[in-house]
Amino acid sequence: MTDSVVYSKILVPTDGSSYALLAGRHAAYLAKITGASVVVLNVMETDMAFHAGIHYAEEVAQMEKAGLKATAGIRELCTAAGVESKELVVKGSPVATILKVADEERVDLIVMGTVGMSAVERVLLGSVSGKVSHHARCPVLLVRER
């Protein structure tokens, strides 16, 4: 069988962690060998900034700055691999926003890092990567550190 998997657009959600950067490495590699572009996404949870009260605008500005720093690392990986990329920093709930951007950008694959959680933690807390993989309309590659 000669059917091959070809991706045209890959989404990489990032929080700036080492797990997300590792996922970015995988995405850049896959994009390079398939000719895909990469959308690097950071989701700002502005509900957290709401509690800052009077300093809300300052908190959101800080979150946006941190979001751009988080996406920059993966953008640099893509540039080094010769892969076209675009960065998005968006306000919202992580799971809902990742799924929405995946649909709006018409991505073929979501590549994201995952942190090892115990069975109890997964049941009590769930995980962003677990929820995204369950609800996404496209394949999701979860990358775990070794």
C-alpha atoms as a PDB file:
ATOM      1  CA  MET A   1       0.000   0.000   0.000  1.00  0.00           C
ATOM      2  CA  THR A   2       1.459   3.378  -0.979  1.00  0.00           C
ATOM      3  CA  ASP A   3      -0.916   5.612   0.953  1.00  0.00           C
ATOM      4  CA  SER A   4       1.135   8.046   2.967  1.00  0.00           C
ATOM      5  CA  VAL A   5       0.123  10.498   5.627  1.00  0.00           C
ATOM      6  CA  VAL A   6       0.661  14.094   4.576  1.00  0.00           C
ATOM      7  CA  TYR A   7      -0.021  17.025   6.834  1.00  0.00           C
ATOM      8  CA  SER A   8      -0.517  20.550   5.544  1.00  0.00           C
ATOM      9  CA  LYS A   9      -0.924  22.343   8.884  1.00  0.00           C
ATOM     10  CA  ILE A  10       0.112  21.281  12.382  1.00  0.00           C
ATOM     11  CA  LEU A  11      -1.019  22.981  15.606  1.00  0.00           C
ATOM     12  CA  VAL A  12       1.338  23.101  18.591  1.00  0.00           C
ATOM     13  CA  PRO A  13      -0.219  24.481  21.779  1.00  0.00           C
ATOM     14  CA  THR A  14       2.463  25.693  24.194  1.00  0.00           C
ATOM     15  CA  ASP A  15       2.690  26.905  27.753  1.00  0.00           C
ATOM     16  CA  GLY A  16       6.431  27.443  27.471  1.00  0.00           C
ATOM     17  CA  SER A  17       7.290  24.240  29.351  1.00  0.00           C
ATOM     18  CA  SER A  18       9.986  21.752  28.387  1.00  0.00           C
ATOM     19  CA  TYR A  19       7.185  19.324  27.477  1.00  0.00           C
ATOM     20  CA  ALA A  20       5.736  21.807  25.000  1.00  0.00           C
ATOM     21  CA  LEU A  21       9.174  22.540  23.533  1.00  0.00           C
ATOM     22  CA  LEU A  22       9.727  18.816  23.002  1.00  0.00           C
ATOM     23  CA  ALA A  23       6.358  18.641  21.233  1.00  0.00           C
ATOM     24  CA  GLY A  24       7.515  21.587  19.121  1.00  0.00           C
ATOM     25  CA  ARG A  25      10.611  19.621  18.073  1.00  0.00           C
ATOM     26  CA  HIS A  26       8.425  16.730  16.953  1.00  0.00           C
ATOM     27  CA  ALA A  27       6.078  19.087  15.094  1.00  0.00           C
ATOM     28  CA  ALA A  28       8.947  20.860  13.308  1.00  0.00           C
ATOM     29  CA  TYR A  29      10.352  17.501  12.205  1.00  0.00           C
ATOM     30  CA  LEU A  30       6.975  16.237  10.975  1.00  0.00           C
ATOM     31  CA  ALA A  31       6.317  19.534   9.201  1.00  0.00           C
ATOM     32  CA  LYS A  32       9.689  19.395   7.486  1.00  0.00           C
ATOM     33  CA  ILE A  33       9.212  15.868   6.132  1.00  0.00           C
ATOM     34  CA  THR A  34       5.590  16.427   5.073  1.00  0.00           C
ATOM     35  CA  GLY A  35       5.816  20.020   3.847  1.00  0.00           C
ATOM     36  CA  ALA A  36       3.365  21.285   6.469  1.00  0.00           C
ATOM     37  CA  SER A  37       3.293  24.662   8.166  1.00  0.00           C
ATOM     38  CA  VAL A  38       3.034  25.031  11.934  1.00  0.00           C
ATOM     39  CA  VAL A  39       0.659  27.140  14.019  1.00  0.00           C
ATOM     40  CA  VAL A  40       2.111  27.785  17.480  1.00  0.00           C
ATOM     41  CA  LEU A  41      -0.572  28.652  20.038  1.00  0.00           C
ATOM     42  CA  ASN A  42      -0.406  30.010  23.558  1.00  0.00           C
ATOM     43  CA  VAL A  43      -3.668  30.355  25.465  1.00  0.00           C
ATOM     44  CA  MET A  44      -3.868  33.078  28.119  1.00  0.00           C
ATOM     45  CA  GLU A  45      -6.199  32.150  30.954  1.00  0.00           C
ATOM     46  CA  THR A  46      -7.428  35.661  31.702  1.00  0.00           C
ATOM     47  CA  ASP A  47      -9.766  34.401  34.446  1.00  0.00           C
ATOM     48  CA  MET A  48      -6.649  34.224  36.600  1.00  0.00           C
ATOM     49  CA  ALA A  49      -5.864  37.882  35.849  1.00  0.00           C
ATOM     50  CA  PHE A  50      -9.408  38.882  36.858  1.00  0.00           C
ATOM     51  CA  HIS A  51      -8.459  38.311  40.483  1.00  0.00           C
ATOM     52  CA  ALA A  52      -5.799  41.016  40.157  1.00  0.00           C
ATOM     53  CA  GLY A  53      -8.659  43.559  40.186  1.00  0.00           C
ATOM     54  CA  ILE A  54      -7.373  47.042  39.447  1.00  0.00           C
ATOM     55  CA  HIS A  55      -4.238  45.629  37.830  1.00  0.00           C
ATOM     56  CA  TYR A  56      -6.145  43.501  35.301  1.00  0.00           C
ATOM     57  CA  ALA A  57      -4.720  45.280  32.226  1.00  0.00           C
ATOM     58  CA  GLU A  58      -1.188  44.951  33.595  1.00  0.00           C
ATOM     59  CA  GLU A  59      -1.691  41.258  34.312  1.00  0.00           C
ATOM     60  CA  VAL A  60      -3.077  40.600  30.824  1.00  0.00           C
ATOM     61  CA  ALA A  61      -0.142  42.491  29.271  1.00  0.00           C
ATOM     62  CA  GLN A  62       2.283  40.339  31.306  1.00  0.00           C
ATOM     63  CA  MET A  63       0.447  37.180  30.229  1.00  0.00           C
ATOM     64  CA  GLU A  64       0.644  38.237  26.591  1.00  0.00           C
ATOM     65  CA  LYS A  65       4.375  38.904  26.921  1.00  0.00           C
ATOM     66  CA  ALA A  66       4.858  35.461  28.504  1.00  0.00           C
ATOM     67  CA  GLY A  67       2.737  33.915  25.737  1.00  0.00           C
ATOM     68  CA  LEU A  68       4.915  35.443  23.026  1.00  0.00           C
ATOM     69  CA  LYS A  69       8.012  34.170  24.824  1.00  0.00           C
ATOM     70  CA  ALA A  70       6.464  30.679  24.978  1.00  0.00           C
ATOM     71  CA  THR A  71       5.663  30.636  21.261  1.00  0.00           C
ATOM     72  CA  ALA A  72       9.054  32.076  20.257  1.00  0.00           C
ATOM     73  CA  GLY A  73      10.972  28.933  21.227  1.00  0.00           C
ATOM     74  CA  ILE A  74       8.902  26.741  18.925  1.00  0.00           C
ATOM     75  CA  ARG A  75       8.932  29.357  16.163  1.00  0.00           C
ATOM     76  CA  GLU A  76      12.747  29.285  16.326  1.00  0.00           C
ATOM     77  CA  LEU A  77      12.739  25.482  16.009  1.00  0.00           C
ATOM     78  CA  CYS A  78      10.534  25.776  12.925  1.00  0.00           C
ATOM     79  CA  THR A  79      12.730  28.478  11.390  1.00  0.00           C
ATOM     80  CA  ALA A  80      15.840  26.345  11.954  1.00  0.00           C
ATOM     81  CA  ALA A  81      14.085  23.429  10.221  1.00  0.00           C
ATOM     82  CA  GLY A  82      13.033  25.625   7.292  1.00  0.00           C
ATOM     83  CA  VAL A  83       9.366  25.286   8.222  1.00  0.00           C
ATOM     84  CA  GLU A  84       6.826  28.098   7.862  1.00  0.00           C
ATOM     85  CA  SER A  85       5.170  28.986  11.162  1.00  0.00           C
ATOM     86  CA  LYS A  86       2.734  31.456  12.649  1.00  0.00           C
ATOM     87  CA  GLU A  87       2.269  32.426  16.285  1.00  0.00           C
ATOM     88  CA  LEU A  88      -1.033  33.036  18.057  1.00  0.00           C
ATOM     89  CA  VAL A  89      -1.556  34.248  21.616  1.00  0.00           C
ATOM     90  CA  VAL A  90      -5.261  34.009  22.438  1.00  0.00           C
ATOM     91  CA  LYS A  91      -7.372  34.639  25.551  1.00  0.00           C
ATOM     92  CA  GLY A  92      -9.584  31.805  26.740  1.00  0.00           C
ATOM     93  CA  SER A  93      -9.931  28.423  28.359  1.00  0.00           C
ATOM     94  CA  PRO A  94      -7.081  26.149  27.187  1.00  0.00           C
ATOM     95  CA  VAL A  95      -9.099  23.144  26.001  1.00  0.00           C
ATOM     96  CA  ALA A  96     -11.900  25.096  24.318  1.00  0.00           C
ATOM     97  CA  THR A  97      -9.460  27.521  22.704  1.00  0.00           C
ATOM     98  CA  ILE A  98      -7.148  24.808  21.375  1.00  0.00           C
ATOM     99  CA  LEU A  99     -10.118  22.992  19.835  1.00  0.00           C
ATOM    100  CA  LYS A 100     -11.527  26.223  18.383  1.00  0.00           C
ATOM    101  CA  VAL A 101      -8.198  27.269  16.845  1.00  0.00           C
ATOM    102  CA  ALA A 102      -7.693  23.751  15.458  1.00  0.00           C
ATOM    103  CA  ASP A 103     -11.037  24.039  13.655  1.00  0.00           C
ATOM    104  CA  GLU A 104     -10.565  27.653  12.533  1.00  0.00           C
ATOM    105  CA  GLU A 105      -7.061  26.998  11.215  1.00  0.00           C
ATOM    106  CA  ARG A 106      -8.154  23.683   9.644  1.00  0.00           C
ATOM    107  CA  VAL A 107      -5.197  21.801  11.070  1.00  0.00           C
ATOM    108  CA  ASP A 108      -4.520  18.187  10.166  1.00  0.00           C
ATOM    109  CA  LEU A 109      -2.679  17.325  13.375  1.00  0.00           C
ATOM    110  CA  ILE A 110      -2.278  18.650  16.903  1.00  0.00           C
ATOM    111  CA  VAL A 111       1.071  17.940  18.564  1.00  0.00           C
ATOM    112  CA  MET A 112       1.277  18.683  22.263  1.00  0.00           C
ATOM    113  CA  GLY A 113       3.335  17.834  25.282  1.00  0.00           C
ATOM    114  CA  THR A 114       1.930  15.900  28.169  1.00  0.00           C
ATOM    115  CA  VAL A 115       3.021  15.604  31.759  1.00  0.00           C
ATOM    116  CA  GLY A 116       2.858  12.195  33.382  1.00  0.00           C
ATOM    117  CA  MET A 117      -0.072  12.158  35.783  1.00  0.00           C
ATOM    118  CA  SER A 118      -1.125   9.369  38.101  1.00  0.00           C
ATOM    119  CA  ALA A 119      -4.439   7.614  37.495  1.00  0.00           C
ATOM    120  CA  VAL A 120      -5.971   9.441  40.478  1.00  0.00           C
ATOM    121  CA  GLU A 121      -4.819  12.846  39.181  1.00  0.00           C
ATOM    122  CA  ARG A 122      -6.280  12.083  35.745  1.00  0.00           C
ATOM    123  CA  VAL A 123      -9.642  11.166  37.275  1.00  0.00           C
ATOM    124  CA  LEU A 124      -9.758  14.159  39.629  1.00  0.00           C
ATOM    125  CA  LEU A 125      -8.190  16.837  37.456  1.00  0.00           C
ATOM    126  CA  GLY A 126      -8.194  15.585  33.915  1.00  0.00           C
ATOM    127  CA  SER A 127      -5.556  17.087  31.695  1.00  0.00           C
ATOM    128  CA  VAL A 128      -5.596  19.581  28.873  1.00  0.00           C
ATOM    129  CA  SER A 129      -3.869  17.122  26.542  1.00  0.00           C
ATOM    130  CA  GLY A 130      -6.253  14.317  27.494  1.00  0.00           C
ATOM    131  CA  LYS A 131      -9.335  16.453  26.921  1.00  0.00           C
ATOM    132  CA  VAL A 132      -7.997  17.796  23.622  1.00  0.00           C
ATOM    133  CA  SER A 133      -7.184  14.289  22.387  1.00  0.00           C
ATOM    134  CA  HIS A 134     -10.674  13.132  23.328  1.00  0.00           C
ATOM    135  CA  HIS A 135     -12.556  15.991  21.637  1.00  0.00           C
ATOM    136  CA  ALA A 136     -10.383  17.024  18.680  1.00  0.00           C
ATOM    137  CA  ARG A 137     -11.659  16.425  15.152  1.00  0.00           C
ATOM    138  CA  CYS A 138      -8.158  15.629  13.904  1.00  0.00           C
ATOM    139  CA  PRO A 139      -5.408  13.289  15.096  1.00  0.00           C
ATOM    140  CA  VAL A 140      -3.515  14.325  18.228  1.00  0.00           C
ATOM    141  CA  LEU A 141       0.088  13.326  18.926  1.00  0.00           C
ATOM    142  CA  LEU A 142       0.941  13.472  22.628  1.00  0.00           C
ATOM    143  CA  VAL A 143       4.658  13.803  23.330  1.00  0.00           C
ATOM    144  CA  ARG A 144       5.992  12.731  26.699  1.00  0.00           C
ATOM    145  CA  GLU A 145       9.493  13.367  28.038  1.00  0.00           C
ATOM    146  CA  ARG A 146      11.506  10.189  28.469  1.00  0.00           C
END
